[in-house]
N, C-alpha and C. Protein backbone atom coordinates (compact mmCIF):
# COMPACT_ATOMS: atom_id res chain seq x y z
N MET A 1 19.83 118.71 219.15
CA MET A 1 19.42 117.50 219.84
C MET A 1 18.92 117.81 221.25
N LYS A 2 19.60 118.73 221.96
CA LYS A 2 19.17 119.08 223.32
C LYS A 2 17.80 119.74 223.31
N ALA A 3 17.53 120.56 222.29
CA ALA A 3 16.23 121.23 222.21
C ALA A 3 15.11 120.21 222.02
N ILE A 4 15.34 119.20 221.21
CA ILE A 4 14.32 118.17 220.99
C ILE A 4 14.07 117.40 222.28
N LEU A 5 15.11 117.05 222.99
CA LEU A 5 14.98 116.33 224.25
C LEU A 5 14.21 117.17 225.27
N ALA A 6 14.50 118.45 225.34
CA ALA A 6 13.81 119.34 226.28
C ALA A 6 12.33 119.43 225.94
N ILE A 7 12.00 119.51 224.67
CA ILE A 7 10.60 119.57 224.26
C ILE A 7 9.89 118.27 224.63
N ALA A 8 10.53 117.16 224.42
CA ALA A 8 9.94 115.86 224.76
C ALA A 8 9.69 115.75 226.26
N LEU A 9 10.61 116.24 227.07
CA LEU A 9 10.44 116.19 228.52
C LEU A 9 9.27 117.05 228.98
N VAL A 10 9.15 118.25 228.41
CA VAL A 10 8.05 119.14 228.77
C VAL A 10 6.72 118.52 228.37
N ALA A 11 6.66 117.93 227.19
CA ALA A 11 5.41 117.35 226.70
C ALA A 11 4.98 116.15 227.53
N SER A 12 5.92 115.45 228.13
CA SER A 12 5.55 114.24 228.87
C SER A 12 5.37 114.49 230.37
N GLN A 13 5.52 115.72 230.82
CA GLN A 13 5.37 116.00 232.25
C GLN A 13 3.94 115.74 232.71
N THR A 14 3.84 115.23 233.90
CA THR A 14 2.54 114.95 234.49
C THR A 14 2.07 116.18 235.25
N THR A 15 0.79 116.45 235.15
CA THR A 15 0.16 117.54 235.87
C THR A 15 -0.69 116.93 236.98
N TYR A 16 -0.84 117.66 238.06
CA TYR A 16 -1.68 117.20 239.16
C TYR A 16 -3.06 117.83 239.02
N TYR A 17 -4.08 117.03 239.31
CA TYR A 17 -5.46 117.45 239.19
C TYR A 17 -6.20 117.12 240.47
N GLU A 18 -7.29 117.85 240.71
CA GLU A 18 -8.17 117.57 241.84
C GLU A 18 -9.57 117.33 241.31
N ALA A 19 -10.22 116.30 241.83
CA ALA A 19 -11.59 116.00 241.41
C ALA A 19 -12.53 117.08 241.95
N LYS A 20 -13.27 117.73 241.05
CA LYS A 20 -14.23 118.76 241.43
C LYS A 20 -15.52 118.15 241.96
N VAL A 21 -15.79 116.93 241.55
CA VAL A 21 -16.99 116.19 241.95
C VAL A 21 -16.58 114.73 242.19
N THR A 22 -17.45 113.97 242.83
CA THR A 22 -17.20 112.53 242.91
C THR A 22 -17.36 111.98 241.50
N THR A 23 -16.39 111.22 241.06
CA THR A 23 -16.36 110.75 239.67
C THR A 23 -15.85 109.32 239.62
N PHE A 24 -15.34 108.92 238.49
CA PHE A 24 -14.90 107.54 238.30
C PHE A 24 -13.73 107.49 237.33
N GLY A 25 -12.98 106.43 237.44
CA GLY A 25 -11.91 106.14 236.50
C GLY A 25 -12.07 104.70 236.06
N CYS A 26 -11.85 104.45 234.78
CA CYS A 26 -12.06 103.10 234.24
C CYS A 26 -10.85 102.66 233.42
N THR A 27 -10.79 101.37 233.17
CA THR A 27 -9.67 100.81 232.43
C THR A 27 -9.78 101.04 230.93
N SER A 28 -10.92 101.57 230.46
CA SER A 28 -11.08 101.84 229.03
C SER A 28 -11.92 103.09 228.81
N ILE A 29 -11.70 103.72 227.67
CA ILE A 29 -12.50 104.88 227.29
C ILE A 29 -13.95 104.45 227.07
N GLU A 30 -14.15 103.24 226.55
CA GLU A 30 -15.50 102.73 226.31
C GLU A 30 -16.30 102.64 227.61
N ALA A 31 -15.68 102.17 228.68
CA ALA A 31 -16.36 102.08 229.97
C ALA A 31 -16.73 103.46 230.49
N VAL A 32 -15.83 104.43 230.31
CA VAL A 32 -16.13 105.82 230.71
C VAL A 32 -17.33 106.32 229.92
N SER A 33 -17.35 106.06 228.62
CA SER A 33 -18.44 106.49 227.76
C SER A 33 -19.77 105.88 228.20
N GLU A 34 -19.76 104.61 228.55
CA GLU A 34 -20.98 103.94 229.02
C GLU A 34 -21.51 104.62 230.28
N LEU A 35 -20.63 104.95 231.21
CA LEU A 35 -21.07 105.61 232.44
C LEU A 35 -21.53 107.04 232.17
N GLN A 36 -20.87 107.73 231.25
CA GLN A 36 -21.26 109.10 230.91
C GLN A 36 -22.69 109.12 230.35
N LYS A 37 -23.05 108.09 229.60
CA LYS A 37 -24.39 108.03 228.98
C LYS A 37 -25.50 107.98 230.02
N VAL A 38 -25.25 107.39 231.19
CA VAL A 38 -26.29 107.28 232.23
C VAL A 38 -26.08 108.27 233.37
N ARG A 39 -25.14 109.17 233.21
CA ARG A 39 -24.76 110.07 234.29
C ARG A 39 -25.89 110.97 234.77
N SER A 40 -26.79 111.35 233.89
CA SER A 40 -27.88 112.25 234.28
C SER A 40 -28.88 111.57 235.22
N ASP A 41 -28.87 110.24 235.26
CA ASP A 41 -29.74 109.47 236.16
C ASP A 41 -28.87 108.90 237.28
N GLU A 42 -28.91 109.55 238.45
CA GLU A 42 -28.01 109.20 239.56
C GLU A 42 -28.11 107.73 239.95
N LYS A 43 -29.34 107.20 240.03
CA LYS A 43 -29.50 105.79 240.42
C LYS A 43 -28.91 104.85 239.37
N ALA A 44 -29.14 105.15 238.10
CA ALA A 44 -28.60 104.32 237.02
C ALA A 44 -27.07 104.39 237.01
N LEU A 45 -26.54 105.58 237.25
CA LEU A 45 -25.08 105.74 237.30
C LEU A 45 -24.49 104.93 238.44
N GLN A 46 -25.09 105.03 239.62
CA GLN A 46 -24.57 104.29 240.78
C GLN A 46 -24.61 102.78 240.54
N ALA A 47 -25.70 102.30 239.94
CA ALA A 47 -25.83 100.86 239.66
C ALA A 47 -24.78 100.42 238.63
N ALA A 48 -24.62 101.20 237.56
CA ALA A 48 -23.65 100.85 236.52
C ALA A 48 -22.23 100.91 237.06
N LEU A 49 -21.94 101.94 237.86
CA LEU A 49 -20.60 102.07 238.44
C LEU A 49 -20.32 100.91 239.40
N MET A 50 -21.29 100.54 240.20
CA MET A 50 -21.11 99.42 241.13
C MET A 50 -20.79 98.13 240.36
N ASP A 51 -21.52 97.89 239.28
CA ASP A 51 -21.26 96.69 238.46
C ASP A 51 -19.83 96.72 237.92
N LYS A 52 -19.41 97.89 237.44
CA LYS A 52 -18.06 98.00 236.86
C LYS A 52 -16.98 97.93 237.95
N GLN A 53 -17.29 98.39 239.15
CA GLN A 53 -16.33 98.27 240.25
C GLN A 53 -16.18 96.80 240.66
N LEU A 54 -17.29 96.09 240.73
CA LEU A 54 -17.24 94.68 241.12
C LEU A 54 -16.48 93.84 240.11
N SER A 55 -16.54 94.23 238.84
CA SER A 55 -15.81 93.49 237.80
C SER A 55 -14.36 93.95 237.68
N GLY A 56 -13.99 94.99 238.45
CA GLY A 56 -12.62 95.49 238.42
C GLY A 56 -12.34 96.42 237.25
N GLU A 57 -13.40 96.85 236.57
CA GLU A 57 -13.25 97.69 235.39
C GLU A 57 -13.14 99.18 235.73
N CYS A 58 -13.72 99.60 236.85
CA CYS A 58 -13.73 101.02 237.22
C CYS A 58 -13.51 101.18 238.73
N VAL A 59 -13.12 102.40 239.11
CA VAL A 59 -12.98 102.78 240.51
C VAL A 59 -13.69 104.11 240.71
N ALA A 60 -14.15 104.35 241.93
CA ALA A 60 -14.74 105.64 242.28
C ALA A 60 -13.60 106.58 242.67
N ILE A 61 -13.74 107.85 242.31
CA ILE A 61 -12.77 108.88 242.69
C ILE A 61 -13.57 109.95 243.43
N LEU A 62 -13.30 110.11 244.71
CA LEU A 62 -14.06 111.03 245.54
C LEU A 62 -13.70 112.49 245.27
N LYS A 63 -14.69 113.36 245.46
CA LYS A 63 -14.47 114.79 245.31
C LYS A 63 -13.31 115.21 246.21
N GLY A 64 -12.40 116.02 245.67
CA GLY A 64 -11.26 116.51 246.43
C GLY A 64 -10.02 115.63 246.31
N THR A 65 -10.16 114.45 245.71
CA THR A 65 -9.02 113.56 245.54
C THR A 65 -8.03 114.16 244.55
N GLN A 66 -6.75 114.16 244.90
CA GLN A 66 -5.72 114.65 243.99
C GLN A 66 -5.10 113.47 243.26
N VAL A 67 -4.93 113.63 241.95
CA VAL A 67 -4.38 112.58 241.10
C VAL A 67 -3.32 113.16 240.19
N GLU A 68 -2.45 112.29 239.70
CA GLU A 68 -1.56 112.67 238.62
C GLU A 68 -2.34 112.44 237.34
N GLY A 69 -2.19 113.32 236.38
CA GLY A 69 -2.96 113.13 235.15
C GLY A 69 -2.26 113.64 233.92
N SER A 70 -2.67 113.08 232.80
CA SER A 70 -2.19 113.54 231.50
C SER A 70 -3.33 113.37 230.50
N ASN A 71 -3.34 114.23 229.49
CA ASN A 71 -4.38 114.14 228.48
C ASN A 71 -4.25 112.84 227.71
N GLU A 72 -5.38 112.24 227.41
CA GLU A 72 -5.40 111.00 226.63
C GLU A 72 -5.32 111.36 225.15
N PRO A 73 -4.27 110.93 224.46
CA PRO A 73 -4.11 111.28 223.04
C PRO A 73 -5.28 110.83 222.16
N ALA A 74 -5.92 109.73 222.50
CA ALA A 74 -7.00 109.19 221.68
C ALA A 74 -8.32 109.94 221.84
N ASP A 75 -8.47 110.72 222.93
CA ASP A 75 -9.74 111.40 223.21
C ASP A 75 -9.47 112.58 224.13
N SER A 76 -9.64 113.79 223.61
CA SER A 76 -9.29 115.00 224.38
C SER A 76 -10.22 115.26 225.56
N SER A 77 -11.34 114.54 225.66
CA SER A 77 -12.25 114.73 226.80
C SER A 77 -11.91 113.79 227.95
N ILE A 78 -10.84 113.01 227.78
CA ILE A 78 -10.45 112.01 228.77
C ILE A 78 -9.11 112.37 229.41
N LEU A 79 -9.04 112.17 230.71
CA LEU A 79 -7.81 112.36 231.46
C LEU A 79 -7.34 110.98 231.93
N ARG A 80 -6.09 110.65 231.65
CA ARG A 80 -5.53 109.39 232.17
C ARG A 80 -4.92 109.72 233.53
N VAL A 81 -5.44 109.08 234.58
CA VAL A 81 -5.01 109.39 235.94
C VAL A 81 -4.18 108.27 236.54
N ASN A 82 -3.24 108.68 237.37
CA ASN A 82 -2.39 107.79 238.17
C ASN A 82 -1.70 106.69 237.36
N GLN A 83 -1.28 107.04 236.17
CA GLN A 83 -0.60 106.07 235.31
C GLN A 83 0.71 105.59 235.92
N LYS A 84 1.44 106.49 236.58
CA LYS A 84 2.72 106.12 237.18
C LYS A 84 2.53 105.36 238.49
N ILE A 85 1.49 105.71 239.25
CA ILE A 85 1.24 105.11 240.56
C ILE A 85 0.57 103.74 240.44
N GLU A 86 -0.42 103.64 239.55
CA GLU A 86 -1.19 102.41 239.37
C GLU A 86 -1.23 102.04 237.88
N PRO A 87 -0.10 101.65 237.31
CA PRO A 87 -0.07 101.35 235.86
C PRO A 87 -1.13 100.32 235.47
N PRO A 88 -1.81 100.49 234.36
CA PRO A 88 -1.62 101.53 233.36
C PRO A 88 -2.42 102.80 233.64
N GLY A 89 -2.98 102.93 234.84
CA GLY A 89 -3.77 104.10 235.19
C GLY A 89 -5.23 103.90 234.82
N TYR A 90 -6.01 104.96 234.99
CA TYR A 90 -7.44 104.91 234.70
C TYR A 90 -7.81 106.06 233.78
N GLU A 91 -8.81 105.82 232.95
CA GLU A 91 -9.37 106.86 232.10
C GLU A 91 -10.50 107.51 232.89
N ALA A 92 -10.57 108.84 232.89
CA ALA A 92 -11.60 109.55 233.64
C ALA A 92 -12.06 110.76 232.85
N PRO A 93 -13.28 111.25 233.11
CA PRO A 93 -13.77 112.42 232.40
C PRO A 93 -12.97 113.67 232.80
N LEU A 94 -12.33 114.31 231.85
CA LEU A 94 -11.50 115.49 232.10
C LEU A 94 -12.30 116.60 232.76
N GLU A 95 -13.57 116.76 232.38
CA GLU A 95 -14.39 117.86 232.90
C GLU A 95 -14.62 117.76 234.41
N ASP A 96 -14.36 116.60 235.00
CA ASP A 96 -14.56 116.42 236.44
C ASP A 96 -13.36 116.85 237.28
N PHE A 97 -12.31 117.33 236.63
CA PHE A 97 -11.07 117.67 237.32
C PHE A 97 -10.63 119.09 237.00
N GLU A 98 -9.86 119.67 237.94
CA GLU A 98 -9.21 120.95 237.67
C GLU A 98 -7.73 120.79 237.96
N ALA A 99 -6.92 121.42 237.12
CA ALA A 99 -5.47 121.34 237.29
C ALA A 99 -5.07 122.07 238.56
N LYS A 100 -4.10 121.51 239.26
CA LYS A 100 -3.57 122.11 240.48
C LYS A 100 -2.15 122.58 240.22
N ALA A 101 -1.77 123.67 240.85
CA ALA A 101 -0.40 124.16 240.73
C ALA A 101 0.53 123.19 241.44
N SER A 102 1.65 122.89 240.81
CA SER A 102 2.61 121.99 241.46
C SER A 102 3.44 122.78 242.45
N ASP A 103 3.80 122.14 243.55
CA ASP A 103 4.57 122.81 244.61
C ASP A 103 6.03 122.88 244.26
């Protein structure tokens, strides 16, 4: 029983990440996907992100920002950030972050 509990605790630990680029976090994977589709066009991305920010669906995450994160079980390319700090947290593109060593 103790071994199972220990495994569950390790699996649920939060890792800290740092944004490698200015990016975004959204309340749904679908919203992240929509922004990813226009990402290659900077003006289109900024306009779409602004619309989603005004509706409360997404937030901007500046380069260098440190967040708590965990892998999203439904999509391995998504990082769920700040779930404990700002429940339920935000979905963000995993590729925009790098794991940081915990102190």
